[in-house]
Protein backbone atom coordinates (compact mmCIF):
# COMPACT_ATOMS: atom_id res chain seq x y z
CA MET A 1 18.82 -16.67 -39.82
CA ILE A 2 15.40 -15.32 -40.67
CA LEU A 3 13.47 -17.80 -38.76
CA ALA A 4 15.87 -17.21 -35.83
CA CYS A 5 14.89 -13.32 -36.14
CA VAL A 6 11.28 -14.28 -36.46
CA TYR A 7 11.32 -16.56 -33.45
CA LEU A 8 13.11 -13.75 -31.12
CA SER A 9 10.78 -11.05 -32.54
CA ALA A 10 7.73 -13.36 -31.70
CA CYS A 11 9.21 -14.11 -27.89
CA SER A 12 9.86 -10.23 -27.54
CA LEU A 13 5.97 -9.52 -28.65
CA ASN A 14 4.61 -12.14 -26.21
CA LYS A 15 6.68 -10.77 -23.20
CA PRO A 16 4.94 -7.78 -22.75
CA LYS A 17 1.67 -9.34 -22.19
CA VAL A 18 3.21 -11.59 -19.27
CA ASP A 19 4.80 -8.41 -17.97
CA GLN A 20 1.38 -6.39 -18.50
CA SER A 21 -0.30 -9.20 -16.27
CA LEU A 22 2.12 -9.03 -13.68
CA GLU A 23 1.93 -5.07 -13.46
CA ASP A 24 -1.95 -5.43 -13.40
CA ALA A 25 -1.82 -7.95 -10.55
CA GLN A 26 0.76 -5.33 -8.80
CA THR A 27 -1.35 -2.57 -9.16
CA GLN A 28 -4.28 -4.39 -7.95
CA GLN A 29 -2.61 -5.25 -4.90
CA GLN A 30 -1.31 -1.68 -4.06
CA ALA A 31 -4.75 -0.58 -4.76
CA LEU A 32 -5.85 -3.18 -1.92
CA GLN A 33 -2.99 -2.29 0.26
CA LEU A 34 -4.08 1.53 -0.15
CA GLU A 35 -7.78 0.87 0.87
CA GLN A 36 -6.92 -1.21 4.01
CA ASP A 37 -4.23 1.61 5.05
CA GLN A 38 -7.23 3.91 4.46
CA GLN A 39 -9.73 2.19 6.59
CA ALA A 40 -7.05 1.42 9.54
CA PHE A 41 -6.41 5.25 9.42
CA GLN A 42 -10.09 6.18 9.47
CA GLN A 43 -10.69 3.47 12.44
CA ALA A 44 -7.74 4.85 14.39
CA LEU A 45 -9.08 8.26 13.92
CA GLN A 46 -12.43 7.13 15.13
CA GLN A 47 -10.55 5.87 18.51
CA MET A 48 -8.93 9.11 19.00
CA GLN A 49 -11.97 11.45 18.39
CA ALA A 50 -13.99 9.20 20.68
CA THR A 51 -15.83 11.64 23.51
CA GLU A 52 -14.65 8.58 25.94
CA ALA A 53 -11.23 7.54 24.36
CA THR A 54 -9.44 5.44 26.86
CA ASP A 55 -5.65 5.40 27.52
CA ALA A 56 -5.91 1.91 25.77
CA ASN A 57 -7.82 3.11 22.73
CA LEU A 58 -5.36 5.99 21.99
CA GLN A 59 -2.31 3.96 22.35
CA GLN A 60 -4.00 1.52 19.93
CA ALA A 61 -4.58 4.08 17.70
CA LYS A 62 -1.11 5.52 17.79
CA THR A 63 0.18 1.88 17.16
CA VAL A 64 -1.98 1.99 13.99
CA PHE A 65 -0.48 5.41 12.96
CA GLU A 66 3.00 4.14 13.50
CA SER A 67 2.32 1.04 11.53
CA LEU A 68 1.03 3.18 8.73
CA TYR A 69 3.99 5.73 8.73
CA GLN A 70 6.57 2.47 8.78
CA ALA A 71 4.67 1.44 5.44
CA ASN A 72 4.41 4.70 3.91
CA PRO A 73 7.25 6.87 5.09
CA ASP A 74 6.41 9.72 2.48
CA TYR A 75 3.37 10.55 4.53
CA LEU A 76 4.29 13.12 7.43
CA GLY A 77 1.24 13.37 9.26
CA ALA A 78 1.76 9.94 10.80
CA LEU A 79 5.28 10.84 11.90
CA VAL A 80 4.00 13.89 13.61
CA ASN A 81 0.79 12.13 15.23
CA SER A 82 3.47 9.38 16.57
CA ALA A 83 6.20 12.00 17.85
CA ASP A 84 6.38 11.92 21.66
């Protein structure tokens, strides 16, 4: 009985390390995705603000803003920018 308790305790102590590794990997993935989204936003913004922006560039920027909104629905700016 004591051996079973020791074994279960050891298993429960090892489990958080695996969970922590998974959480770290997820956090890194989220940070990478956020960085990519920020870069895409900046590029779309530059396309829109270009002095000689073509309709194709503006449409491409709008598409980027809409995809960012789909990925981040809490960001209202993308919804406002894509509402037409």
